[in-house]
Amino acid sequence: MAKRGGFPGGGMPGNMANLMKQAQRMQRQMEEQQKELESKEFTASAGGGAVEVTVSGKREVLKVKLTEEVVDPDDIEMLEDLIAAATNEALRKVDEESGAAMSKLTGGLGGGVPGMF
């Protein structure tokens, strides 16, 4: 009885099987990279070090450190701006490291395969 559909011999051709193995290996490596990134901390400062923010690789704010001089009740807006600037810079560092790790893994493929990266 002849097989319906599929490939002759009943299996995937060599190239397809190889591609699947590579994709699975890349998936495992991406998961490992993600876990490693999530365990790291990224710190950035603003206002010449007056405000320092630390975020995790999970993009969660872990710590906000302020110098006494930056706490001016008459200029709350400046303090808010410095906290936002330091937080955004710390988050940018997370994105930068994440992008560098992904680029290293994919060998520059980036988002070349929709739905995979």
PDB file of N, CA and C in Angstrom:
ATOM      1  N   MET A   1       0.847  -1.170   0.000  1.00  0.00           N
ATOM      2  CA  MET A   1       0.000   0.000   0.000  1.00  0.00           C
ATOM      3  C   MET A   1       0.893   1.234   0.000  1.00  0.00           C
ATOM      4  N   ALA A   2       0.599   2.180  -0.856  1.00  0.00           N
ATOM      5  CA  ALA A   2       1.399   3.393  -0.973  1.00  0.00           C
ATOM      6  C   ALA A   2       1.050   4.357   0.156  1.00  0.00           C
ATOM      7  N   LYS A   3       2.064   5.056   0.615  1.00  0.00           N
ATOM      8  CA  LYS A   3       1.838   6.063   1.658  1.00  0.00           C
ATOM      9  C   LYS A   3       1.235   7.302   1.025  1.00  0.00           C
ATOM     10  N   ARG A   4       0.356   7.912   1.762  1.00  0.00           N
ATOM     11  CA  ARG A   4      -0.232   9.161   1.245  1.00  0.00           C
ATOM     12  C   ARG A   4       0.518  10.342   1.833  1.00  0.00           C
ATOM     13  N   GLY A   5       0.789  11.317   0.997  1.00  0.00           N
ATOM     14  CA  GLY A   5       1.446  12.544   1.457  1.00  0.00           C
ATOM     15  C   GLY A   5       2.830  12.254   2.004  1.00  0.00           C
ATOM     16  N   GLY A   6       3.391  13.237   2.651  1.00  0.00           N
ATOM     17  CA  GLY A   6       4.689  13.054   3.273  1.00  0.00           C
ATOM     18  C   GLY A   6       5.798  12.958   2.258  1.00  0.00           C
ATOM     19  N   PHE A   7       6.894  12.407   2.709  1.00  0.00           N
ATOM     20  CA  PHE A   7       8.064  12.292   1.864  1.00  0.00           C
ATOM     21  C   PHE A   7       8.363  10.826   1.603  1.00  0.00           C
ATOM     22  N   PRO A   8       8.976  10.535   0.482  1.00  0.00           N
ATOM     23  CA  PRO A   8       9.339   9.143   0.207  1.00  0.00           C
ATOM     24  C   PRO A   8      10.208   8.609   1.339  1.00  0.00           C
ATOM     25  N   GLY A   9       9.962   7.400   1.734  1.00  0.00           N
ATOM     26  CA  GLY A   9      10.756   6.821   2.814  1.00  0.00           C
ATOM     27  C   GLY A   9      10.129   7.070   4.167  1.00  0.00           C
ATOM     28  N   GLY A  10       9.064   7.873   4.222  1.00  0.00           N
ATOM     29  CA  GLY A  10       8.329   8.070   5.455  1.00  0.00           C
ATOM     30  C   GLY A  10       8.906   9.093   6.417  1.00  0.00           C
ATOM     31  N   GLY A  11      10.056   9.644   6.163  1.00  0.00           N
ATOM     32  CA  GLY A  11      10.627  10.607   7.101  1.00  0.00           C
ATOM     33  C   GLY A  11      10.851  11.953   6.454  1.00  0.00           C
ATOM     34  N   MET A  12      11.360  12.848   7.243  1.00  0.00           N
ATOM     35  CA  MET A  12      11.696  14.168   6.699  1.00  0.00           C
ATOM     36  C   MET A  12      12.997  14.040   5.931  1.00  0.00           C
ATOM     37  N   PRO A  13      13.128  14.809   4.872  1.00  0.00           N
ATOM     38  CA  PRO A  13      14.418  14.783   4.187  1.00  0.00           C
ATOM     39  C   PRO A  13      15.519  15.264   5.141  1.00  0.00           C
ATOM     40  N   GLY A  14      16.742  14.860   4.878  1.00  0.00           N
ATOM     41  CA  GLY A  14      17.869  15.192   5.750  1.00  0.00           C
ATOM     42  C   GLY A  14      17.976  16.658   6.112  1.00  0.00           C
ATOM     43  N   ASN A  15      17.824  17.524   5.113  1.00  0.00           N
ATOM     44  CA  ASN A  15      17.950  18.953   5.388  1.00  0.00           C
ATOM     45  C   ASN A  15      16.883  19.443   6.354  1.00  0.00           C
ATOM     46  N   MET A  16      15.654  18.975   6.202  1.00  0.00           N
ATOM     47  CA  MET A  16      14.555  19.408   7.061  1.00  0.00           C
ATOM     48  C   MET A  16      14.777  18.923   8.491  1.00  0.00           C
ATOM     49  N   ALA A  17      15.203  17.690   8.656  1.00  0.00           N
ATOM     50  CA  ALA A  17      15.470  17.142   9.987  1.00  0.00           C
ATOM     51  C   ALA A  17      16.588  17.924  10.656  1.00  0.00           C
ATOM     52  N   ASN A  18      17.605  18.249   9.873  1.00  0.00           N
ATOM     53  CA  ASN A  18      18.731  19.036  10.370  1.00  0.00           C
ATOM     54  C   ASN A  18      18.265  20.420  10.819  1.00  0.00           C
ATOM     55  N   LEU A  19      17.426  21.034  10.005  1.00  0.00           N
ATOM     56  CA  LEU A  19      16.892  22.359  10.315  1.00  0.00           C
ATOM     57  C   LEU A  19      16.094  22.324  11.613  1.00  0.00           C
ATOM     58  N   MET A  20      15.299  21.288  11.799  1.00  0.00           N
ATOM     59  CA  MET A  20      14.488  21.151  13.012  1.00  0.00           C
ATOM     60  C   MET A  20      15.382  21.004  14.240  1.00  0.00           C
ATOM     61  N   LYS A  21      16.456  20.228  14.123  1.00  0.00           N
ATOM     62  CA  LYS A  21      17.384  20.055  15.242  1.00  0.00           C
ATOM     63  C   LYS A  21      18.047  21.389  15.587  1.00  0.00           C
ATOM     64  N   GLN A  22      18.439  22.125  14.556  1.00  0.00           N
ATOM     65  CA  GLN A  22      19.060  23.430  14.789  1.00  0.00           C
ATOM     66  C   GLN A  22      18.081  24.381  15.456  1.00  0.00           C
ATOM     67  N   ALA A  23      16.835  24.367  15.020  1.00  0.00           N
ATOM     68  CA  ALA A  23      15.814  25.245  15.608  1.00  0.00           C
ATOM     69  C   ALA A  23      15.576  24.890  17.068  1.00  0.00           C
ATOM     70  N   GLN A  24      15.532  23.598  17.378  1.00  0.00           N
ATOM     71  CA  GLN A  24      15.335  23.176  18.762  1.00  0.00           C
ATOM     72  C   GLN A  24      16.528  23.575  19.628  1.00  0.00           C
ATOM     73  N   ARG A  25      17.730  23.421  19.096  1.00  0.00           N
ATOM     74  CA  ARG A  25      18.936  23.807  19.837  1.00  0.00           C
ATOM     75  C   ARG A  25      18.926  25.312  20.084  1.00  0.00           C
ATOM     76  N   MET A  26      18.559  26.082  19.066  1.00  0.00           N
ATOM     77  CA  MET A  26      18.507  27.530  19.202  1.00  0.00           C
ATOM     78  C   MET A  26      17.449  27.932  20.240  1.00  0.00           C
ATOM     79  N   GLN A  27      16.322  27.240  20.244  1.00  0.00           N
ATOM     80  CA  GLN A  27      15.268  27.518  21.215  1.00  0.00           C
ATOM     81  C   GLN A  27      15.785  27.301  22.643  1.00  0.00           C
ATOM     82  N   ARG A  28      16.499  26.200  22.865  1.00  0.00           N
ATOM     83  CA  ARG A  28      17.065  25.931  24.200  1.00  0.00           C
ATOM     84  C   ARG A  28      18.061  27.013  24.586  1.00  0.00           C
ATOM     85  N   GLN A  29      18.901  27.410  23.641  1.00  0.00           N
ATOM     86  CA  GLN A  29      19.895  28.437  23.925  1.00  0.00           C
ATOM     87  C   GLN A  29      19.218  29.770  24.245  1.00  0.00           C
ATOM     88  N   MET A  30      18.145  30.084  23.527  1.00  0.00           N
ATOM     89  CA  MET A  30      17.422  31.326  23.777  1.00  0.00           C
ATOM     90  C   MET A  30      16.807  31.305  25.174  1.00  0.00           C
ATOM     91  N   GLU A  31      16.261  30.174  25.591  1.00  0.00           N
ATOM     92  CA  GLU A  31      15.683  30.051  26.926  1.00  0.00           C
ATOM     93  C   GLU A  31      16.753  30.224  27.998  1.00  0.00           C
ATOM     94  N   GLU A  32      17.925  29.643  27.774  1.00  0.00           N
ATOM     95  CA  GLU A  32      19.030  29.787  28.720  1.00  0.00           C
ATOM     96  C   GLU A  32      19.489  31.237  28.799  1.00  0.00           C
ATOM     97  N   GLN A  33      19.609  31.883  27.644  1.00  0.00           N
ATOM     98  CA  GLN A  33      20.006  33.288  27.611  1.00  0.00           C
ATOM     99  C   GLN A  33      19.001  34.151  28.371  1.00  0.00           C
ATOM    100  N   GLN A  34      17.708  33.872  28.189  1.00  0.00           N
ATOM    101  CA  GLN A  34      16.656  34.632  28.852  1.00  0.00           C
ATOM    102  C   GLN A  34      16.763  34.480  30.365  1.00  0.00           C
ATOM    103  N   LYS A  35      16.981  33.257  30.842  1.00  0.00           N
ATOM    104  CA  LYS A  35      17.122  33.019  32.286  1.00  0.00           C
ATOM    105  C   LYS A  35      18.327  33.767  32.835  1.00  0.00           C
ATOM    106  N   GLU A  36      19.426  33.716  32.091  1.00  0.00           N
ATOM    107  CA  GLU A  36      20.639  34.412  32.515  1.00  0.00           C
ATOM    108  C   GLU A  36      20.403  35.917  32.582  1.00  0.00           C
ATOM    109  N   LEU A  37      19.745  36.469  31.566  1.00  0.00           N
ATOM    110  CA  LEU A  37      19.450  37.899  31.529  1.00  0.00           C
ATOM    111  C   LEU A  37      18.563  38.296  32.707  1.00  0.00           C
ATOM    112  N   GLU A  38      17.549  37.480  32.986  1.00  0.00           N
ATOM    113  CA  GLU A  38      16.610  37.807  34.056  1.00  0.00           C
ATOM    114  C   GLU A  38      17.274  37.826  35.424  1.00  0.00           C
ATOM    115  N   SER A  39      18.386  37.125  35.588  1.00  0.00           N
ATOM    116  CA  SER A  39      19.071  37.085  36.875  1.00  0.00           C
ATOM    117  C   SER A  39      20.024  38.273  37.071  1.00  0.00           C
ATOM    118  N   LYS A  40      20.248  39.046  36.036  1.00  0.00           N
ATOM    119  CA  LYS A  40      21.186  40.170  36.119  1.00  0.00           C
ATOM    120  C   LYS A  40      20.497  41.444  36.612  1.00  0.00           C
ATOM    121  N   GLU A  41      21.325  42.379  37.069  1.00  0.00           N
ATOM    122  CA  GLU A  41      20.848  43.701  37.478  1.00  0.00           C
ATOM    123  C   GLU A  41      21.561  44.754  36.633  1.00  0.00           C
ATOM    124  N   PHE A  42      20.820  45.814  36.310  1.00  0.00           N
ATOM    125  CA  PHE A  42      21.340  46.903  35.491  1.00  0.00           C
ATOM    126  C   PHE A  42      21.099  48.212  36.236  1.00  0.00           C
ATOM    127  N   THR A  43      22.150  49.007  36.381  1.00  0.00           N
ATOM    128  CA  THR A  43      22.055  50.254  37.126  1.00  0.00           C
ATOM    129  C   THR A  43      22.428  51.418  36.221  1.00  0.00           C
ATOM    130  N   ALA A  44      21.669  52.506  36.368  1.00  0.00           N
ATOM    131  CA  ALA A  44      21.971  53.733  35.626  1.00  0.00           C
ATOM    132  C   ALA A  44      21.712  54.903  36.560  1.00  0.00           C
ATOM    133  N   SER A  45      22.381  56.028  36.257  1.00  0.00           N
ATOM    134  CA  SER A  45      22.194  57.205  37.097  1.00  0.00           C
ATOM    135  C   SER A  45      21.887  58.417  36.239  1.00  0.00           C
ATOM    136  N   ALA A  46      21.390  59.446  36.897  1.00  0.00           N
ATOM    137  CA  ALA A  46      21.078  60.712  36.234  1.00  0.00           C
ATOM    138  C   ALA A  46      21.432  61.839  37.197  1.00  0.00           C
ATOM    139  N   GLY A  47      21.567  63.031  36.650  1.00  0.00           N
ATOM    140  CA  GLY A  47      21.887  64.189  37.487  1.00  0.00           C
ATOM    141  C   GLY A  47      23.251  64.082  38.127  1.00  0.00           C
ATOM    142  N   GLY A  48      24.214  63.565  37.369  1.00  0.00           N
ATOM    143  CA  GLY A  48      25.573  63.445  37.895  1.00  0.00           C
ATOM    144  C   GLY A  48      25.666  62.477  39.073  1.00  0.00           C
ATOM    145  N   GLY A  49      24.797  61.481  39.101  1.00  0.00           N
ATOM    146  CA  GLY A  49      24.819  60.495  40.173  1.00  0.00           C
ATOM    147  C   GLY A  49      23.857  60.815  41.309  1.00  0.00           C
ATOM    148  N   ALA A  50      23.090  61.877  41.168  1.00  0.00           N
ATOM    149  CA  ALA A  50      22.143  62.265  42.221  1.00  0.00           C
ATOM    150  C   ALA A  50      21.000  61.256  42.341  1.00  0.00           C
ATOM    151  N   VAL A  51      20.674  60.610  41.238  1.00  0.00           N
ATOM    152  CA  VAL A  51      19.627  59.586  41.224  1.00  0.00           C
ATOM    153  C   VAL A  51      20.216  58.338  40.573  1.00  0.00           C
ATOM    154  N   GLU A  52      20.015  57.207  41.229  1.00  0.00           N
ATOM    155  CA  GLU A  52      20.501  55.944  40.693  1.00  0.00           C
ATOM    156  C   GLU A  52      19.357  54.933  40.754  1.00  0.00           C
ATOM    157  N   VAL A  53      19.117  54.244  39.637  1.00  0.00           N
ATOM    158  CA  VAL A  53      18.039  53.255  39.560  1.00  0.00           C
ATOM    159  C   VAL A  53      18.633  51.924  39.118  1.00  0.00           C
ATOM    160  N   THR A  54      18.202  50.853  39.793  1.00  0.00           N
ATOM    161  CA  THR A  54      18.625  49.503  39.444  1.00  0.00           C
ATOM    162  C   THR A  54      17.383  48.715  39.046  1.00  0.00           C
ATOM    163  N   VAL A  55      17.477  48.063  37.883  1.00  0.00           N
ATOM    164  CA  VAL A  55      16.375  47.218  37.397  1.00  0.00           C
ATOM    165  C   VAL A  55      16.918  45.815  37.168  1.00  0.00           C
ATOM    166  N   SER A  56      16.006  44.856  37.163  1.00  0.00           N
ATOM    167  CA  SER A  56      16.387  43.473  36.884  1.00  0.00           C
ATOM    168  C   SER A  56      16.266  43.218  35.391  1.00  0.00           C
ATOM    169  N   GLY A  57      16.808  42.091  34.969  1.00  0.00           N
ATOM    170  CA  GLY A  57      16.664  41.679  33.577  1.00  0.00           C
ATOM    171  C   GLY A  57      15.216  41.384  33.225  1.00  0.00           C
ATOM    172  N   LYS A  58      14.371  41.258  34.247  1.00  0.00           N
ATOM    173  CA  LYS A  58      12.932  41.078  34.023  1.00  0.00           C
ATOM    174  C   LYS A  58      12.234  42.427  33.848  1.00  0.00           C
ATOM    175  N   ARG A  59      13.022  43.495  33.840  1.00  0.00           N
ATOM    176  CA  ARG A  59      12.523  44.863  33.650  1.00  0.00           C
ATOM    177  C   ARG A  59      11.700  45.338  34.851  1.00  0.00           C
ATOM    178  N   GLU A  60      12.100  44.914  36.048  1.00  0.00           N
ATOM    179  CA  GLU A  60      11.448  45.348  37.282  1.00  0.00           C
ATOM    180  C   GLU A  60      12.403  46.279  38.021  1.00  0.00           C
ATOM    181  N   VAL A  61      11.867  47.382  38.546  1.00  0.00           N
ATOM    182  CA  VAL A  61      12.688  48.303  39.323  1.00  0.00           C
ATOM    183  C   VAL A  61      12.987  47.645  40.669  1.00  0.00           C
ATOM    184  N   LEU A  62      14.272  47.506  40.981  1.00  0.00           N
ATOM    185  CA  LEU A  62      14.687  46.875  42.222  1.00  0.00           C
ATOM    186  C   LEU A  62      15.049  47.893  43.292  1.00  0.00           C
ATOM    187  N   LYS A  63      15.650  49.021  42.855  1.00  0.00           N
ATOM    188  CA  LYS A  63      16.148  49.978  43.837  1.00  0.00           C
ATOM    189  C   LYS A  63      16.203  51.377  43.214  1.00  0.00           C
ATOM    190  N   VAL A  64      15.861  52.370  44.021  1.00  0.00           N
ATOM    191  CA  VAL A  64      16.019  53.771  43.641  1.00  0.00           C
ATOM    192  C   VAL A  64      16.832  54.422  44.756  1.00  0.00           C
ATOM    193  N   LYS A  65      17.949  55.018  44.391  1.00  0.00           N
ATOM    194  CA  LYS A  65      18.832  55.648  45.368  1.00  0.00           C
ATOM    195  C   LYS A  65      18.906  57.143  45.046  1.00  0.00           C
ATOM    196  N   LEU A  66      18.697  57.983  46.066  1.00  0.00           N
ATOM    197  CA  LEU A  66      18.718  59.433  45.880  1.00  0.00           C
ATOM    198  C   LEU A  66      19.748  60.047  46.818  1.00  0.00           C
ATOM    199  N   THR A  67      20.467  61.052  46.330  1.00  0.00           N
ATOM    200  CA  THR A  67      21.325  61.806  47.240  1.00  0.00           C
ATOM    201  C   THR A  67      20.451  62.848  47.934  1.00  0.00           C
ATOM    202  N   GLU A  68      20.860  63.249  49.102  1.00  0.00           N
ATOM    203  CA  GLU A  68      20.077  64.208  49.894  1.00  0.00           C
ATOM    204  C   GLU A  68      19.865  65.528  49.143  1.00  0.00           C
ATOM    205  N   GLU A  69      20.885  65.954  48.431  1.00  0.00           N
ATOM    206  CA  GLU A  69      20.827  67.259  47.742  1.00  0.00           C
ATOM    207  C   GLU A  69      19.743  67.319  46.673  1.00  0.00           C
ATOM    208  N   VAL A  70      19.396  66.185  46.078  1.00  0.00           N
ATOM    209  CA  VAL A  70      18.440  66.188  44.979  1.00  0.00           C
ATOM    210  C   VAL A  70      16.991  66.277  45.476  1.00  0.00           C
ATOM    211  N   VAL A  71      16.791  66.051  46.764  1.00  0.00           N
ATOM    212  CA  VAL A  71      15.444  66.096  47.328  1.00  0.00           C
ATOM    213  C   VAL A  71      15.140  67.537  47.733  1.00  0.00           C
ATOM    214  N   ASP A  72      14.544  68.271  46.804  1.00  0.00           N
ATOM    215  CA  ASP A  72      14.186  69.679  47.021  1.00  0.00           C
ATOM    216  C   ASP A  72      12.665  69.792  46.937  1.00  0.00           C
ATOM    217  N   PRO A  73      11.997  70.045  48.077  1.00  0.00           N
ATOM    218  CA  PRO A  73      10.532  70.127  48.078  1.00  0.00           C
ATOM    219  C   PRO A  73       9.996  71.192  47.112  1.00  0.00           C
ATOM    220  N   ASP A  74      10.831  72.170  46.772  1.00  0.00           N
ATOM    221  CA  ASP A  74      10.388  73.221  45.860  1.00  0.00           C
ATOM    222  C   ASP A  74      10.587  72.841  44.391  1.00  0.00           C
ATOM    223  N   ASP A  75      11.236  71.706  44.136  1.00  0.00           N
ATOM    224  CA  ASP A  75      11.466  71.298  42.755  1.00  0.00           C
ATOM    225  C   ASP A  75      11.258  69.784  42.587  1.00  0.00           C
ATOM    226  N   ILE A  76      10.083  69.347  42.921  1.00  0.00           N
ATOM    227  CA  ILE A  76       9.724  67.930  42.792  1.00  0.00           C
ATOM    228  C   ILE A  76       9.815  67.480  41.333  1.00  0.00           C
ATOM    229  N   GLU A  77       9.473  68.369  40.423  1.00  0.00           N
ATOM    230  CA  GLU A  77       9.471  68.028  38.999  1.00  0.00           C
ATOM    231  C   GLU A  77      10.846  67.589  38.512  1.00  0.00           C
ATOM    232  N   MET A  78      11.892  68.271  38.964  1.00  0.00           N
ATOM    233  CA  MET A  78      13.245  67.891  38.555  1.00  0.00           C
ATOM    234  C   MET A  78      13.568  66.480  39.057  1.00  0.00           C
ATOM    235  N   LEU A  79      13.212  66.177  40.300  1.00  0.00           N
ATOM    236  CA  LEU A  79      13.465  64.854  40.860  1.00  0.00           C
ATOM    237  C   LEU A  79      12.723  63.786  40.070  1.00  0.00           C
ATOM    238  N   GLU A  80      11.481  64.061  39.727  1.00  0.00           N
ATOM    239  CA  GLU A  80      10.696  63.121  38.921  1.00  0.00           C
ATOM    240  C   GLU A  80      11.357  62.865  37.573  1.00  0.00           C
ATOM    241  N   ASP A  81      11.829  63.939  36.947  1.00  0.00           N
ATOM    242  CA  ASP A  81      12.502  63.810  35.649  1.00  0.00           C
ATOM    243  C   ASP A  81      13.789  62.988  35.758  1.00  0.00           C
ATOM    244  N   LEU A  82      14.554  63.203  36.835  1.00  0.00           N
ATOM    245  CA  LEU A  82      15.803  62.462  37.012  1.00  0.00           C
ATOM    246  C   LEU A  82      15.530  60.970  37.258  1.00  0.00           C
ATOM    247  N   ILE A  83      14.502  60.680  38.033  1.00  0.00           N
ATOM    248  CA  ILE A  83      14.150  59.280  38.282  1.00  0.00           C
ATOM    249  C   ILE A  83      13.720  58.610  36.977  1.00  0.00           C
ATOM    250  N   ALA A  84      12.899  59.301  36.209  1.00  0.00           N
ATOM    251  CA  ALA A  84      12.452  58.749  34.915  1.00  0.00           C
ATOM    252  C   ALA A  84      13.644  58.534  33.987  1.00  0.00           C
ATOM    253  N   ALA A  85      14.563  59.502  33.925  1.00  0.00           N
ATOM    254  CA  ALA A  85      15.727  59.390  33.043  1.00  0.00           C
ATOM    255  C   ALA A  85      16.615  58.210  33.451  1.00  0.00           C
ATOM    256  N   ALA A  86      16.878  58.055  34.736  1.00  0.00           N
ATOM    257  CA  ALA A  86      17.725  56.964  35.206  1.00  0.00           C
ATOM    258  C   ALA A  86      17.050  55.612  34.951  1.00  0.00           C
ATOM    259  N   THR A  87      15.742  55.547  35.178  1.00  0.00           N
ATOM    260  CA  THR A  87      15.001  54.300  34.948  1.00  0.00           C
ATOM    261  C   THR A  87      15.034  53.926  33.477  1.00  0.00           C
ATOM    262  N   ASN A  88      14.773  54.889  32.613  1.00  0.00           N
ATOM    263  CA  ASN A  88      14.787  54.616  31.172  1.00  0.00           C
ATOM    264  C   ASN A  88      16.166  54.176  30.691  1.00  0.00           C
ATOM    265  N   GLU A  89      17.216  54.754  31.244  1.00  0.00           N
ATOM    266  CA  GLU A  89      18.574  54.363  30.853  1.00  0.00           C
ATOM    267  C   GLU A  89      18.875  52.937  31.322  1.00  0.00           C
ATOM    268  N   ALA A  90      18.452  52.588  32.532  1.00  0.00           N
ATOM    269  CA  ALA A  90      18.673  51.228  33.031  1.00  0.00           C
ATOM    270  C   ALA A  90      17.913  50.220  32.168  1.00  0.00           C
ATOM    271  N   LEU A  91      16.681  50.545  31.786  1.00  0.00           N
ATOM    272  CA  LEU A  91      15.894  49.655  30.928  1.00  0.00           C
ATOM    273  C   LEU A  91      16.514  49.545  29.532  1.00  0.00           C
ATOM    274  N   ARG A  92      17.097  50.638  29.048  1.00  0.00           N
ATOM    275  CA  ARG A  92      17.786  50.600  27.758  1.00  0.00           C
ATOM    276  C   ARG A  92      18.958  49.631  27.817  1.00  0.00           C
ATOM    277  N   LYS A  93      19.642  49.591  28.965  1.00  0.00           N
ATOM    278  CA  LYS A  93      20.766  48.662  29.137  1.00  0.00           C
ATOM    279  C   LYS A  93      20.284  47.206  29.066  1.00  0.00           C
ATOM    280  N   VAL A  94      19.115  46.929  29.655  1.00  0.00           N
ATOM    281  CA  VAL A  94      18.541  45.585  29.581  1.00  0.00           C
ATOM    282  C   VAL A  94      18.278  45.231  28.118  1.00  0.00           C
ATOM    283  N   ASP A  95      17.634  46.157  27.393  1.00  0.00           N
ATOM    284  CA  ASP A  95      17.317  45.917  25.980  1.00  0.00           C
ATOM    285  C   ASP A  95      18.579  45.707  25.148  1.00  0.00           C
ATOM    286  N   GLU A  96      19.604  46.507  25.442  1.00  0.00           N
ATOM    287  CA  GLU A  96      20.864  46.409  24.693  1.00  0.00           C
ATOM    288  C   GLU A  96      21.508  45.039  24.894  1.00  0.00           C
ATOM    289  N   GLU A  97      21.566  44.583  26.144  1.00  0.00           N
ATOM    290  CA  GLU A  97      22.180  43.280  26.407  1.00  0.00           C
ATOM    291  C   GLU A  97      21.338  42.150  25.821  1.00  0.00           C
ATOM    292  N   SER A  98      20.043  42.286  25.913  1.00  0.00           N
ATOM    293  CA  SER A  98      19.140  41.278  25.354  1.00  0.00           C
ATOM    294  C   SER A  98      19.323  41.196  23.833  1.00  0.00           C
ATOM    295  N   GLY A  99      19.394  42.341  23.179  1.00  0.00           N
ATOM    296  CA  GLY A  99      19.591  42.372  21.725  1.00  0.00           C
ATOM    297  C   GLY A  99      20.933  41.799  21.316  1.00  0.00           C
ATOM    298  N   ALA A 100      21.970  42.105  22.100  1.00  0.00           N
ATOM    299  CA  ALA A 100      23.305  41.588  21.790  1.00  0.00           C
ATOM    300  C   ALA A 100      23.333  40.068  21.943  1.00  0.00           C
ATOM    301  N   ALA A 101      22.675  39.566  22.982  1.00  0.00           N
ATOM    302  CA  ALA A 101      22.642  38.111  23.203  1.00  0.00           C
ATOM    303  C   ALA A 101      21.875  37.432  22.077  1.00  0.00           C
ATOM    304  N   MET A 102      20.774  38.037  21.657  1.00  0.00           N
ATOM    305  CA  MET A 102      19.961  37.441  20.593  1.00  0.00           C
ATOM    306  C   MET A 102      20.726  37.445  19.270  1.00  0.00           C
ATOM    307  N   SER A 103      21.421  38.538  18.993  1.00  0.00           N
ATOM    308  CA  SER A 103      22.189  38.646  17.761  1.00  0.00           C
ATOM    309  C   SER A 103      23.302  37.589  17.729  1.00  0.00           C
ATOM    310  N   LYS A 104      23.924  37.374  18.873  1.00  0.00           N
ATOM    311  CA  LYS A 104      24.983  36.372  18.974  1.00  0.00           C
ATOM    312  C   LYS A 104      24.414  34.979  18.704  1.00  0.00           C
ATOM    313  N   LEU A 105      23.232  34.720  19.237  1.00  0.00           N
ATOM    314  CA  LEU A 105      22.588  33.411  19.058  1.00  0.00           C
ATOM    315  C   LEU A 105      22.159  33.160  17.628  1.00  0.00           C
ATOM    316  N   THR A 106      21.559  34.163  17.018  1.00  0.00           N
ATOM    317  CA  THR A 106      20.986  33.978  15.685  1.00  0.00           C
ATOM    318  C   THR A 106      21.985  34.263  14.583  1.00  0.00           C
ATOM    319  N   GLY A 107      23.168  34.700  14.943  1.00  0.00           N
ATOM    320  CA  GLY A 107      24.192  34.975  13.945  1.00  0.00           C
ATOM    321  C   GLY A 107      23.785  36.091  13.007  1.00  0.00           C
ATOM    322  N   GLY A 108      23.021  37.077  13.549  1.00  0.00           N
ATOM    323  CA  GLY A 108      22.609  38.211  12.745  1.00  0.00           C
ATOM    324  C   GLY A 108      21.315  37.997  11.986  1.00  0.00           C
ATOM    325  N   LEU A 109      20.664  36.830  12.168  1.00  0.00           N
ATOM    326  CA  LEU A 109      19.390  36.616  11.494  1.00  0.00           C
ATOM    327  C   LEU A 109      18.330  37.588  11.981  1.00  0.00           C
ATOM    328  N   GLY A 110      18.410  37.948  13.272  1.00  0.00           N
ATOM    329  CA  GLY A 110      17.437  38.872  13.844  1.00  0.00           C
ATOM    330  C   GLY A 110      16.040  38.339  13.695  1.00  0.00           C
ATOM    331  N   GLY A 111      15.169  39.124  13.120  1.00  0.00           N
ATOM    332  CA  GLY A 111      13.793  38.723  12.936  1.00  0.00           C
ATOM    333  C   GLY A 111      13.540  38.171  11.556  1.00  0.00           C
ATOM    334  N   GLY A 112      14.531  37.557  10.962  1.00  0.00           N
ATOM    335  CA  GLY A 112      14.409  37.083   9.597  1.00  0.00           C
ATOM    336  C   GLY A 112      13.382  35.997   9.363  1.00  0.00           C
ATOM    337  N   VAL A 113      13.028  35.248  10.408  1.00  0.00           N
ATOM    338  CA  VAL A 113      12.042  34.197  10.246  1.00  0.00           C
ATOM    339  C   VAL A 113      10.828  34.551  11.097  1.00  0.00           C
ATOM    340  N   PRO A 114       9.752  35.012  10.484  1.00  0.00           N
ATOM    341  CA  PRO A 114       8.585  35.435  11.258  1.00  0.00           C
ATOM    342  C   PRO A 114       8.103  34.342  12.206  1.00  0.00           C
ATOM    343  N   GLY A 115       7.816  34.765  13.445  1.00  0.00           N
ATOM    344  CA  GLY A 115       7.292  33.836  14.420  1.00  0.00           C
ATOM    345  C   GLY A 115       8.349  33.027  15.160  1.00  0.00           C
ATOM    346  N   MET A 116       9.605  33.110  14.722  1.00  0.00           N
ATOM    347  CA  MET A 116      10.653  32.321  15.408  1.00  0.00           C
ATOM    348  C   MET A 116      11.509  33.165  16.318  1.00  0.00           C
ATOM    349  N   PHE A 117      11.739  34.428  15.984  1.00  0.00           N
ATOM    350  CA  PHE A 117      12.662  35.242  16.777  1.00  0.00           C
ATOM    351  C   PHE A 117      11.996  36.526  17.163  1.00  0.00           C
TER     352      PHE A 117
END
